[in-house]
Amino acid sequence: MAARWFIAAWNPEKFQRLAANAQDLIVAVRLQCEELLSLNVSEIRRENEELKNEIMKLHEGNDNRDLMMIQDLLGLPTWSLKRRRQELLEHKQSIDRERAGETILETLRYGSMNRYKAEALHFKAWESPGKSSMLLIVGSNHESIVGLRNHCWMSPLALDLMDHYFTAAAGGKAFNAFYVFKLYERTRVYAAASEILFQLLRWKKRYLGTRDDHLANLRAKLQEYRGIDVESNSSDHDAKLEALSQVSVTVMGLFEAHETVYVVVDRVDRCEKNEEAEFLNFLISLMDYAACSLKILVVANKSGWDIDRGELHKSKKGQFDQVVEHQKLLFKKHG
């Protein structure tokens, strides 16, 4: 200590240099420690990220395995979203070909579609947020083309909504399911209802994997549903519908109160004869099982449609509305 004061007294510049060097060394050591710490933190973060990705892949694999099991039990072994989207595109193209060159009849295209959605009071009421609601639109083709057209003039509205909600769902803004009945063959109520339920389940597959009781409960209900063979015993029709209804309870229970789910169906008139009302009642029941806001829009062609509103159940929680939209002449022909 005395030597330092001696140096300071007789050679203060040397003392200052020694002090500065010491300070530089301290700073260098601190920087090196911080650099090592930063490297360690970065390495830990990288390893954590890799571990998280591995866990996500494992969960994804388990989720897909569960979905494949559910898909098989619902009787949809070959179903794929890609194929359904392709069929939807072909349906739209078929409609466009049939109405190509149409100039004197009202059609739903981009501009008229937006006007309809903005001005039709029943549509605006259906679309408004909050309470679950179902809107059945029966499209009546103009009398001059009834029997000459395969498509319903209101179908483009359903297809437009399918595209809109599919895009919104892909962006994480909504959940959705869609179904288009085949024009040239009748579809059983089970097939259409099962596909809608499966599409909804796909949005909640991760949740299924985190709750073993949900998955076990769903599997038991699906096995009961799968075990009822209506092809060999038609008297089990009601029992199979009831089993599917129990599946619906579990599926809709996966969606939370703050969420919104959209279901859009086109050409329900092509459901199996005498099963159209049962399919609509299936959709109505989904509103009663749901805690979320469930918005269902269905289009039917009036030609051959004879379902009376009295055949439909009254929803305990949702709003049901039915309207008939008549296709109009844009202007009258002059003789």
Protein backbone atom coordinates (compact mmCIF):
# COMPACT_ATOMS: atom_id res chain seq x y z
CA MET A 1 0.00 0.00 0.00
CA ALA A 2 2.85 2.39 0.90
CA ALA A 3 4.51 1.63 -2.47
CA ARG A 4 1.32 2.68 -4.32
CA TRP A 5 1.15 5.98 -2.49
CA PHE A 6 4.83 6.46 -3.12
CA ILE A 7 4.33 5.93 -6.86
CA ALA A 8 1.32 8.17 -6.81
CA ALA A 9 3.22 10.92 -5.04
CA TRP A 10 6.31 10.80 -7.22
CA ASN A 11 4.86 9.45 -10.53
CA PRO A 12 1.11 10.12 -10.70
CA GLU A 13 0.95 9.49 -14.47
CA LYS A 14 2.20 5.91 -14.05
CA PHE A 15 -0.37 5.31 -11.36
CA GLN A 16 -3.12 6.60 -13.62
CA ARG A 17 -1.93 4.28 -16.42
CA LEU A 18 -1.97 1.31 -14.06
CA ALA A 19 -5.46 2.25 -12.88
CA ALA A 20 -6.69 2.65 -16.46
CA ASN A 21 -5.20 -0.71 -17.44
CA ALA A 22 -6.89 -2.33 -14.46
CA GLN A 23 -10.20 -0.77 -15.43
CA ASP A 24 -9.81 -1.99 -19.03
CA LEU A 25 -9.12 -5.50 -17.78
CA ILE A 26 -12.22 -5.38 -15.57
CA VAL A 27 -14.34 -4.22 -18.50
CA ALA A 28 -12.84 -6.91 -20.76
CA VAL A 29 -13.59 -9.62 -18.20
CA ARG A 30 -17.15 -8.34 -17.78
CA LEU A 31 -17.70 -8.27 -21.56
CA GLN A 32 -16.37 -11.78 -21.92
CA CYS A 33 -18.65 -12.99 -19.15
CA GLU A 34 -21.64 -11.32 -20.78
CA GLU A 35 -20.70 -12.83 -24.15
CA LEU A 36 -20.43 -16.30 -22.64
CA LEU A 37 -23.73 -15.81 -20.86
CA SER A 38 -25.36 -14.63 -24.09
CA LEU A 39 -24.02 -17.66 -25.93
CA ASN A 40 -25.35 -19.95 -23.21
CA VAL A 41 -28.76 -18.28 -23.29
CA SER A 42 -28.90 -18.51 -27.10
CA GLU A 43 -27.91 -22.16 -26.97
CA ILE A 44 -30.53 -22.88 -24.33
CA ARG A 45 -33.16 -21.07 -26.39
CA ARG A 46 -32.20 -23.00 -29.51
CA GLU A 47 -32.35 -26.32 -27.66
CA ASN A 48 -35.72 -25.38 -26.12
CA GLU A 49 -37.07 -24.45 -29.54
CA GLU A 50 -35.92 -27.77 -31.00
CA LEU A 51 -37.50 -29.62 -28.09
CA LYS A 52 -40.76 -27.72 -28.51
CA ASN A 53 -40.83 -28.57 -32.23
CA GLU A 54 -40.27 -32.23 -31.47
CA ILE A 55 -43.10 -32.19 -28.93
CA MET A 56 -45.38 -30.45 -31.44
CA LYS A 57 -44.57 -33.08 -34.07
CA LEU A 58 -45.32 -35.81 -31.55
CA HIS A 59 -48.65 -34.19 -30.63
CA GLU A 60 -49.47 -33.68 -34.32
CA GLY A 61 -48.81 -37.35 -34.97
CA ASN A 62 -51.03 -38.38 -32.06
CA ASP A 63 -53.75 -35.91 -33.14
CA ASN A 64 -53.74 -37.26 -36.69
CA ARG A 65 -53.84 -40.83 -35.41
CA ASP A 66 -56.91 -40.00 -33.29
CA LEU A 67 -58.57 -38.27 -36.26
CA MET A 68 -57.98 -41.29 -38.49
CA MET A 69 -59.65 -43.48 -35.89
CA ILE A 70 -62.62 -41.09 -35.67
CA GLN A 71 -62.83 -40.80 -39.46
CA ASP A 72 -63.04 -44.58 -39.80
CA LEU A 73 -65.71 -44.94 -37.08
CA LEU A 74 -67.80 -42.25 -38.80
CA GLY A 75 -67.66 -44.25 -42.03
CA LEU A 76 -65.51 -41.72 -43.89
CA PRO A 77 -62.29 -43.67 -44.60
CA THR A 78 -61.54 -41.92 -47.92
CA TRP A 79 -62.59 -38.37 -46.96
CA SER A 80 -60.10 -35.55 -47.57
CA LEU A 81 -60.44 -31.79 -47.44
CA LYS A 82 -58.49 -31.43 -50.67
CA ARG A 83 -60.93 -33.67 -52.53
CA ARG A 84 -63.94 -31.85 -51.10
CA ARG A 85 -62.50 -28.48 -52.11
CA GLN A 86 -61.99 -29.80 -55.64
CA GLU A 87 -65.59 -31.04 -55.76
CA LEU A 88 -66.73 -27.63 -54.55
CA LEU A 89 -64.81 -25.96 -57.38
CA GLU A 90 -66.38 -28.32 -59.92
CA HIS A 91 -69.83 -27.56 -58.51
CA LYS A 92 -69.23 -23.82 -58.94
CA GLN A 93 -67.98 -24.32 -62.50
CA SER A 94 -71.07 -26.37 -63.34
CA ILE A 95 -73.31 -23.56 -62.08
CA ASP A 96 -71.39 -20.99 -64.12
CA ARG A 97 -71.69 -23.09 -67.28
CA GLU A 98 -75.42 -23.51 -66.83
CA ARG A 99 -76.10 -19.80 -66.36
CA ALA A 100 -73.57 -18.57 -68.93
CA GLY A 101 -75.14 -16.05 -71.24
CA GLU A 102 -78.16 -15.57 -68.99
CA THR A 103 -79.23 -11.94 -69.42
CA ILE A 104 -82.91 -11.61 -68.61
CA LEU A 105 -83.08 -13.53 -65.30
CA GLU A 106 -81.82 -12.42 -61.90
CA THR A 107 -78.55 -14.11 -60.95
CA LEU A 108 -76.26 -13.92 -57.95
CA ARG A 109 -72.86 -12.72 -59.08
CA TYR A 110 -70.25 -10.55 -57.36
CA GLY A 111 -72.16 -7.26 -57.32
CA SER A 112 -75.67 -8.65 -56.80
CA MET A 113 -74.33 -11.05 -54.17
CA ASN A 114 -72.92 -8.20 -52.10
CA ARG A 115 -76.17 -6.24 -52.44
CA TYR A 116 -78.16 -9.25 -51.29
CA LYS A 117 -75.98 -9.73 -48.20
CA ALA A 118 -76.15 -6.03 -47.39
CA GLU A 119 -79.89 -5.55 -47.95
CA ALA A 120 -81.69 -8.83 -47.15
CA LEU A 121 -82.97 -8.36 -43.60
CA HIS A 122 -83.20 -12.08 -42.85
CA PHE A 123 -79.58 -12.57 -43.92
CA LYS A 124 -78.36 -9.62 -41.87
CA ALA A 125 -80.23 -10.95 -38.83
CA TRP A 126 -78.69 -14.39 -39.32
CA GLU A 127 -75.17 -13.00 -39.72
CA SER A 128 -75.33 -10.67 -36.72
CA PRO A 129 -73.00 -11.80 -33.90
CA GLY A 130 -74.22 -13.36 -30.69
CA LYS A 131 -77.08 -15.84 -30.56
CA SER A 132 -76.95 -19.07 -32.55
CA SER A 133 -79.15 -18.96 -35.64
CA MET A 134 -80.12 -21.07 -38.65
CA LEU A 135 -81.37 -19.69 -41.94
CA LEU A 136 -83.01 -21.96 -44.54
CA ILE A 137 -83.21 -20.28 -47.95
CA VAL A 138 -85.47 -22.03 -50.45
CA GLY A 139 -84.55 -20.79 -53.91
CA SER A 140 -87.34 -20.80 -56.48
CA ASN A 141 -86.04 -20.72 -60.06
CA HIS A 142 -88.09 -18.60 -62.46
CA GLU A 143 -91.06 -20.48 -63.92
CA SER A 144 -89.58 -20.20 -67.41
CA ILE A 145 -86.65 -22.43 -66.53
CA VAL A 146 -88.15 -24.81 -63.94
CA GLY A 147 -87.34 -28.31 -65.15
CA LEU A 148 -84.70 -26.97 -67.54
CA ARG A 149 -82.03 -26.18 -64.94
CA ASN A 150 -80.21 -28.55 -62.58
CA HIS A 151 -78.98 -25.86 -60.25
CA CYS A 152 -80.73 -23.58 -57.80
CA TRP A 153 -80.35 -19.87 -58.46
CA MET A 154 -79.53 -19.26 -54.74
CA SER A 155 -76.71 -21.83 -54.59
CA PRO A 156 -74.00 -19.23 -55.42
CA LEU A 157 -74.73 -17.56 -52.07
CA ALA A 158 -73.94 -20.76 -50.19
CA LEU A 159 -70.77 -21.34 -52.23
CA ASP A 160 -69.61 -17.77 -51.69
CA LEU A 161 -70.04 -18.16 -47.93
CA MET A 162 -68.18 -21.47 -47.97
CA ASP A 163 -65.18 -19.77 -49.56
CA HIS A 164 -65.42 -16.76 -47.24
CA TYR A 165 -65.58 -18.74 -44.00
CA PHE A 166 -62.97 -21.25 -45.17
CA THR A 167 -60.55 -18.34 -45.73
CA ALA A 168 -61.46 -16.80 -42.38
CA ALA A 169 -60.93 -20.13 -40.63
CA ALA A 170 -57.53 -20.59 -42.28
CA GLY A 171 -56.58 -17.21 -40.79
CA GLY A 172 -57.65 -18.35 -37.33
CA LYS A 173 -60.71 -16.06 -37.27
CA ALA A 174 -63.52 -18.63 -37.37
CA PHE A 175 -64.35 -22.34 -37.41
CA ASN A 176 -66.38 -23.80 -40.24
CA ALA A 177 -67.83 -26.86 -41.96
CA PHE A 178 -69.51 -27.14 -45.34
CA TYR A 179 -71.44 -29.72 -47.28
CA VAL A 180 -72.79 -29.86 -50.86
CA PHE A 181 -75.32 -32.58 -51.62
CA LYS A 182 -74.75 -34.44 -54.88
CA LEU A 183 -77.17 -33.48 -57.64
CA TYR A 184 -77.50 -36.81 -59.40
CA GLU A 185 -77.93 -39.16 -56.46
CA ARG A 186 -79.59 -39.00 -53.07
CA THR A 187 -77.44 -38.86 -49.93
CA ARG A 188 -78.41 -40.48 -46.62
CA VAL A 189 -78.75 -38.24 -43.60
CA TYR A 190 -75.98 -40.14 -41.78
CA ALA A 191 -73.40 -39.47 -44.48
CA ALA A 192 -74.01 -35.73 -44.60
CA ALA A 193 -74.27 -35.31 -40.82
CA SER A 194 -71.16 -37.43 -40.16
CA GLU A 195 -69.07 -35.37 -42.55
CA ILE A 196 -70.12 -32.09 -40.94
CA LEU A 197 -69.25 -33.43 -37.48
CA PHE A 198 -65.87 -34.67 -38.69
CA GLN A 199 -65.01 -31.31 -40.23
CA LEU A 200 -65.84 -29.61 -36.93
CA LEU A 201 -63.74 -32.14 -35.01
CA ARG A 202 -60.72 -31.35 -37.17
CA TRP A 203 -60.61 -27.85 -35.66
CA LYS A 204 -60.41 -29.32 -32.15
CA LYS A 205 -58.13 -32.29 -32.69
CA ARG A 206 -55.43 -30.86 -30.38
CA TYR A 207 -57.95 -30.48 -27.59
CA LEU A 208 -58.97 -34.10 -27.94
CA GLY A 209 -55.39 -35.19 -27.40
CA THR A 210 -55.09 -33.28 -24.13
CA ARG A 211 -58.25 -34.71 -22.58
CA ASP A 212 -58.30 -38.49 -22.44
CA ASP A 213 -61.84 -38.50 -21.05
CA HIS A 214 -63.14 -36.60 -24.11
CA LEU A 215 -61.43 -38.98 -26.50
CA ALA A 216 -62.58 -42.11 -24.64
CA ASN A 217 -66.13 -40.78 -24.42
CA LEU A 218 -66.19 -39.91 -28.10
CA ARG A 219 -64.73 -43.28 -29.10
CA ALA A 220 -67.41 -45.14 -27.10
CA LYS A 221 -70.20 -43.12 -28.74
CA LEU A 222 -68.72 -43.60 -32.20
CA GLN A 223 -68.38 -47.34 -31.70
CA GLU A 224 -72.05 -47.51 -30.72
CA TYR A 225 -72.96 -45.50 -33.82
CA ARG A 226 -70.78 -47.66 -36.09
CA GLY A 227 -72.29 -50.84 -34.66
CA ILE A 228 -75.82 -50.01 -35.82
CA ASP A 229 -76.26 -51.40 -39.33
CA VAL A 230 -79.30 -49.85 -41.00
CA GLU A 231 -78.51 -51.52 -44.32
CA SER A 232 -79.39 -54.94 -42.95
CA ASN A 233 -82.00 -53.72 -40.47
CA SER A 234 -83.86 -50.58 -41.51
CA SER A 235 -85.81 -50.56 -38.22
CA ASP A 236 -82.62 -49.33 -36.52
CA HIS A 237 -82.81 -46.02 -38.39
CA ASP A 238 -83.99 -44.04 -35.36
CA ALA A 239 -81.42 -45.71 -33.12
CA LYS A 240 -78.61 -44.75 -35.49
CA LEU A 241 -79.81 -41.15 -35.60
CA GLU A 242 -79.92 -41.06 -31.81
CA ALA A 243 -76.38 -42.47 -31.61
CA LEU A 244 -75.20 -39.77 -34.01
CA SER A 245 -76.98 -37.18 -31.88
CA GLN A 246 -74.96 -38.31 -28.87
CA VAL A 247 -71.77 -37.88 -30.90
CA SER A 248 -72.93 -34.35 -31.72
CA VAL A 249 -73.20 -33.50 -28.02
CA THR A 250 -69.52 -34.32 -27.49
CA VAL A 251 -68.36 -32.55 -30.64
CA MET A 252 -70.18 -29.29 -29.93
CA GLY A 253 -69.00 -29.42 -26.33
CA LEU A 254 -65.44 -28.86 -27.59
CA PHE A 255 -66.24 -25.29 -28.69
CA GLU A 256 -66.20 -22.51 -26.11
CA ALA A 257 -68.75 -19.77 -25.50
CA HIS A 258 -66.62 -16.98 -27.02
CA GLU A 259 -66.08 -18.88 -30.30
CA THR A 260 -68.14 -18.69 -33.50
CA VAL A 261 -68.76 -21.69 -35.77
CA TYR A 262 -70.22 -21.52 -39.30
CA VAL A 263 -71.92 -24.42 -41.08
CA VAL A 264 -73.01 -23.90 -44.70
CA VAL A 265 -74.97 -26.50 -46.69
CA ASP A 266 -76.08 -26.40 -50.33
CA ARG A 267 -78.90 -28.36 -51.97
CA VAL A 268 -80.42 -30.06 -48.94
CA ASP A 269 -83.31 -31.00 -51.27
CA ARG A 270 -80.98 -33.72 -52.61
CA CYS A 271 -80.91 -35.47 -49.24
CA GLU A 272 -82.47 -38.94 -49.25
CA LYS A 273 -86.22 -38.68 -49.76
CA ASN A 274 -88.08 -38.57 -46.43
CA GLU A 275 -84.84 -37.76 -44.59
CA GLU A 276 -84.63 -34.03 -45.44
CA ALA A 277 -86.47 -32.98 -42.28
CA GLU A 278 -84.30 -35.31 -40.19
CA PHE A 279 -81.18 -33.67 -41.54
CA LEU A 280 -82.54 -30.18 -40.79
CA ASN A 281 -83.48 -31.33 -37.28
CA PHE A 282 -79.94 -32.63 -36.84
CA LEU A 283 -78.62 -29.15 -37.66
CA ILE A 284 -81.15 -27.51 -35.35
CA SER A 285 -80.07 -29.81 -32.51
CA LEU A 286 -76.46 -28.65 -32.92
CA MET A 287 -77.55 -25.18 -31.80
CA ASP A 288 -79.01 -26.66 -28.60
CA TYR A 289 -75.82 -28.63 -27.87
CA ALA A 290 -73.50 -25.68 -28.51
CA ALA A 291 -72.20 -23.19 -25.96
CA CYS A 292 -70.57 -21.26 -28.84
CA SER A 293 -72.34 -19.04 -31.35
CA LEU A 294 -73.36 -21.40 -34.15
CA LYS A 295 -74.39 -19.93 -37.51
CA ILE A 296 -76.00 -22.37 -39.97
CA LEU A 297 -77.09 -21.46 -43.49
CA VAL A 298 -78.82 -23.99 -45.74
CA VAL A 299 -79.97 -23.65 -49.37
CA ALA A 300 -82.66 -25.82 -50.96
CA ASN A 301 -84.16 -25.83 -54.46
CA LYS A 302 -87.93 -25.27 -54.30
CA SER A 303 -88.58 -27.71 -57.14
CA GLY A 304 -89.56 -30.90 -55.33
CA TRP A 305 -89.15 -29.35 -51.88
CA ASP A 306 -92.20 -30.06 -49.74
CA ILE A 307 -90.90 -29.95 -46.17
CA ASP A 308 -93.41 -28.31 -43.87
CA ARG A 309 -92.08 -26.12 -41.08
CA GLY A 310 -94.21 -28.14 -38.69
CA GLU A 311 -91.92 -31.13 -39.29
CA LEU A 312 -88.99 -29.23 -37.82
CA HIS A 313 -88.09 -29.07 -34.16
CA LYS A 314 -88.10 -25.81 -32.29
CA SER A 315 -84.64 -24.89 -31.04
CA LYS A 316 -84.36 -24.18 -27.32
CA LYS A 317 -81.33 -21.92 -27.70
CA GLY A 318 -81.11 -20.79 -31.32
CA GLN A 319 -83.18 -18.82 -33.80
CA PHE A 320 -84.59 -20.55 -36.90
CA ASP A 321 -85.83 -18.69 -39.97
CA GLN A 322 -87.00 -19.87 -43.38
CA VAL A 323 -87.48 -17.74 -46.49
CA VAL A 324 -88.37 -18.39 -50.12
CA GLU A 325 -86.41 -16.37 -52.68
CA HIS A 326 -88.10 -16.15 -56.10
CA GLN A 327 -85.91 -15.54 -59.13
CA LYS A 328 -87.17 -12.52 -61.04
CA LEU A 329 -87.04 -11.29 -64.60
CA LEU A 330 -84.66 -8.36 -64.98
CA PHE A 331 -86.91 -6.95 -67.71
CA LYS A 332 -89.84 -8.18 -69.71
CA LYS A 333 -89.49 -9.45 -73.23
CA HIS A 334 -91.37 -7.49 -75.88
CA GLY A 335 -93.19 -9.39 -78.54
